[in-house]
């Protein structure tokens, strides 16, 4: 039982590569897809896709929920924008370990 629990926990752990991809996507797309309804949420959601795909690779319903969660209204200043996806990735990883 412990082996399967440990394997599940390792599977839901983010790698440095995931975080770098998230950062690079955010930096390159954050302001390229603004909308009046949700402002920067499309770029933010796109930046979170490596994180979501890693954490919920085996559960399509959880991936859909996470994508919808990150498509809500989002707006920030660009310097803080580099910090926020990392913080949200940590929170998403914690949530995937606890509930997913």
C-alpha atoms as a PDB file:
ATOM      1  CA  UNK A   1       0.000   0.000   0.000  1.00  0.00           C
ATOM      2  CA  UNK A   2       2.799   2.448   0.837  1.00  0.00           C
ATOM      3  CA  UNK A   3       4.451   1.851  -2.536  1.00  0.00           C
ATOM      4  CA  UNK A   4       1.323   2.825  -4.464  1.00  0.00           C
ATOM      5  CA  UNK A   5       0.793   5.845  -2.247  1.00  0.00           C
ATOM      6  CA  UNK A   6       4.380   6.976  -2.803  1.00  0.00           C
ATOM      7  CA  UNK A   7       4.116   6.412  -6.565  1.00  0.00           C
ATOM      8  CA  UNK A   8       0.931   8.501  -6.688  1.00  0.00           C
ATOM      9  CA  UNK A   9       2.602  11.285  -4.704  1.00  0.00           C
ATOM     10  CA  UNK A  10       5.684  11.292  -6.958  1.00  0.00           C
ATOM     11  CA  UNK A  11       3.456  11.375 -10.040  1.00  0.00           C
ATOM     12  CA  UNK A  12       1.772  14.525  -8.725  1.00  0.00           C
ATOM     13  CA  UNK A  13       5.031  16.353  -8.135  1.00  0.00           C
ATOM     14  CA  UNK A  14       6.080  19.221 -10.377  1.00  0.00           C
ATOM     15  CA  UNK A  15       9.506  19.278 -11.949  1.00  0.00           C
ATOM     16  CA  UNK A  16      11.781  22.220 -12.594  1.00  0.00           C
ATOM     17  CA  UNK A  17      11.065  21.779 -16.311  1.00  0.00           C
ATOM     18  CA  UNK A  18       7.313  22.224 -15.667  1.00  0.00           C
ATOM     19  CA  UNK A  19       7.920  25.453 -13.777  1.00  0.00           C
ATOM     20  CA  UNK A  20      10.280  26.834 -16.423  1.00  0.00           C
ATOM     21  CA  UNK A  21       7.771  26.030 -19.185  1.00  0.00           C
ATOM     22  CA  UNK A  22       5.037  27.754 -17.154  1.00  0.00           C
ATOM     23  CA  UNK A  23       7.225  30.844 -16.718  1.00  0.00           C
ATOM     24  CA  UNK A  24       8.248  31.003 -20.379  1.00  0.00           C
ATOM     25  CA  UNK A  25       4.685  30.611 -21.611  1.00  0.00           C
ATOM     26  CA  UNK A  26       3.549  33.343 -19.216  1.00  0.00           C
ATOM     27  CA  UNK A  27       6.297  35.726 -20.284  1.00  0.00           C
ATOM     28  CA  UNK A  28       5.608  35.247 -23.995  1.00  0.00           C
ATOM     29  CA  UNK A  29       1.794  35.129 -24.055  1.00  0.00           C
ATOM     30  CA  UNK A  30       0.538  37.068 -21.042  1.00  0.00           C
ATOM     31  CA  UNK A  31      -0.325  40.221 -22.944  1.00  0.00           C
ATOM     32  CA  UNK A  32      -0.918  38.800 -26.384  1.00  0.00           C
ATOM     33  CA  UNK A  33      -4.473  37.652 -25.706  1.00  0.00           C
ATOM     34  CA  UNK A  34      -6.238  40.272 -23.608  1.00  0.00           C
ATOM     35  CA  UNK A  35     -10.014  40.466 -23.535  1.00  0.00           C
ATOM     36  CA  UNK A  36     -12.381  42.946 -21.922  1.00  0.00           C
ATOM     37  CA  UNK A  37     -14.295  40.178 -20.174  1.00  0.00           C
ATOM     38  CA  UNK A  38     -11.414  38.310 -18.517  1.00  0.00           C
ATOM     39  CA  UNK A  39      -8.336  40.474 -19.245  1.00  0.00           C
ATOM     40  CA  UNK A  40      -5.216  38.266 -18.867  1.00  0.00           C
ATOM     41  CA  UNK A  41      -6.914  35.004 -17.922  1.00  0.00           C
ATOM     42  CA  UNK A  42      -6.382  33.311 -21.281  1.00  0.00           C
ATOM     43  CA  UNK A  43      -2.614  33.859 -21.092  1.00  0.00           C
ATOM     44  CA  UNK A  44      -2.597  32.789 -17.448  1.00  0.00           C
ATOM     45  CA  UNK A  45      -4.557  29.625 -18.204  1.00  0.00           C
ATOM     46  CA  UNK A  46      -2.223  28.846 -21.092  1.00  0.00           C
ATOM     47  CA  UNK A  47       0.782  29.283 -18.783  1.00  0.00           C
ATOM     48  CA  UNK A  48      -0.766  26.838 -16.304  1.00  0.00           C
ATOM     49  CA  UNK A  49      -1.258  24.062 -18.884  1.00  0.00           C
ATOM     50  CA  UNK A  50       2.127  22.342 -18.220  1.00  0.00           C
ATOM     51  CA  UNK A  51       1.271  22.314 -14.521  1.00  0.00           C
ATOM     52  CA  UNK A  52      -2.260  21.020 -15.042  1.00  0.00           C
ATOM     53  CA  UNK A  53      -1.128  18.358 -17.512  1.00  0.00           C
ATOM     54  CA  UNK A  54       1.497  17.069 -15.072  1.00  0.00           C
ATOM     55  CA  UNK A  55      -0.759  16.996 -12.032  1.00  0.00           C
ATOM     56  CA  UNK A  56      -3.930  15.668 -13.654  1.00  0.00           C
ATOM     57  CA  UNK A  57      -2.518  13.549 -16.487  1.00  0.00           C
ATOM     58  CA  UNK A  58      -4.684  10.571 -15.607  1.00  0.00           C
ATOM     59  CA  UNK A  59      -7.927  12.429 -14.828  1.00  0.00           C
ATOM     60  CA  UNK A  60      -9.623  14.322 -17.660  1.00  0.00           C
ATOM     61  CA  UNK A  61     -12.403  15.699 -15.438  1.00  0.00           C
ATOM     62  CA  UNK A  62      -9.898  17.259 -13.016  1.00  0.00           C
ATOM     63  CA  UNK A  63      -8.001  18.805 -15.951  1.00  0.00           C
ATOM     64  CA  UNK A  64     -11.229  20.380 -17.198  1.00  0.00           C
ATOM     65  CA  UNK A  65     -12.021  21.738 -13.717  1.00  0.00           C
ATOM     66  CA  UNK A  66      -8.531  23.195 -13.374  1.00  0.00           C
ATOM     67  CA  UNK A  67      -8.655  24.866 -16.789  1.00  0.00           C
ATOM     68  CA  UNK A  68     -12.042  26.394 -15.982  1.00  0.00           C
ATOM     69  CA  UNK A  69     -10.737  27.536 -12.600  1.00  0.00           C
ATOM     70  CA  UNK A  70      -7.861  29.387 -14.274  1.00  0.00           C
ATOM     71  CA  UNK A  71     -10.021  30.968 -16.994  1.00  0.00           C
ATOM     72  CA  UNK A  72     -11.788  33.216 -14.487  1.00  0.00           C
ATOM     73  CA  UNK A  73     -11.054  36.932 -14.456  1.00  0.00           C
ATOM     74  CA  UNK A  74      -7.345  37.595 -13.994  1.00  0.00           C
ATOM     75  CA  UNK A  75      -5.403  40.833 -14.140  1.00  0.00           C
ATOM     76  CA  UNK A  76      -2.037  41.807 -12.749  1.00  0.00           C
ATOM     77  CA  UNK A  77       0.952  44.057 -13.229  1.00  0.00           C
ATOM     78  CA  UNK A  78       3.675  42.417 -15.346  1.00  0.00           C
ATOM     79  CA  UNK A  79       6.352  42.177 -12.642  1.00  0.00           C
ATOM     80  CA  UNK A  80       3.960  40.470 -10.242  1.00  0.00           C
ATOM     81  CA  UNK A  81       2.747  38.332 -13.102  1.00  0.00           C
ATOM     82  CA  UNK A  82       6.019  36.412 -13.087  1.00  0.00           C
ATOM     83  CA  UNK A  83       5.537  35.547  -9.409  1.00  0.00           C
ATOM     84  CA  UNK A  84       1.851  34.622  -9.409  1.00  0.00           C
ATOM     85  CA  UNK A  85       1.975  31.566 -11.741  1.00  0.00           C
ATOM     86  CA  UNK A  86       4.665  30.002  -9.544  1.00  0.00           C
ATOM     87  CA  UNK A  87       2.591  30.582  -6.438  1.00  0.00           C
ATOM     88  CA  UNK A  88      -0.527  29.169  -8.102  1.00  0.00           C
ATOM     89  CA  UNK A  89       1.462  26.150  -9.362  1.00  0.00           C
ATOM     90  CA  UNK A  90       2.454  25.380  -5.782  1.00  0.00           C
ATOM     91  CA  UNK A  91      -1.148  25.686  -4.621  1.00  0.00           C
ATOM     92  CA  UNK A  92      -2.351  23.495  -7.502  1.00  0.00           C
ATOM     93  CA  UNK A  93       0.261  20.841  -6.651  1.00  0.00           C
ATOM     94  CA  UNK A  94      -0.857  20.839  -3.023  1.00  0.00           C
ATOM     95  CA  UNK A  95      -4.510  20.539  -4.035  1.00  0.00           C
ATOM     96  CA  UNK A  96      -3.756  17.660  -6.442  1.00  0.00           C
ATOM     97  CA  UNK A  97      -1.939  15.766  -3.681  1.00  0.00           C
ATOM     98  CA  UNK A  98      -4.715  16.274  -1.141  1.00  0.00           C
ATOM     99  CA  UNK A  99      -7.834  15.799  -3.236  1.00  0.00           C
ATOM    100  CA  UNK A 100      -6.821  14.320  -6.579  1.00  0.00           C
END
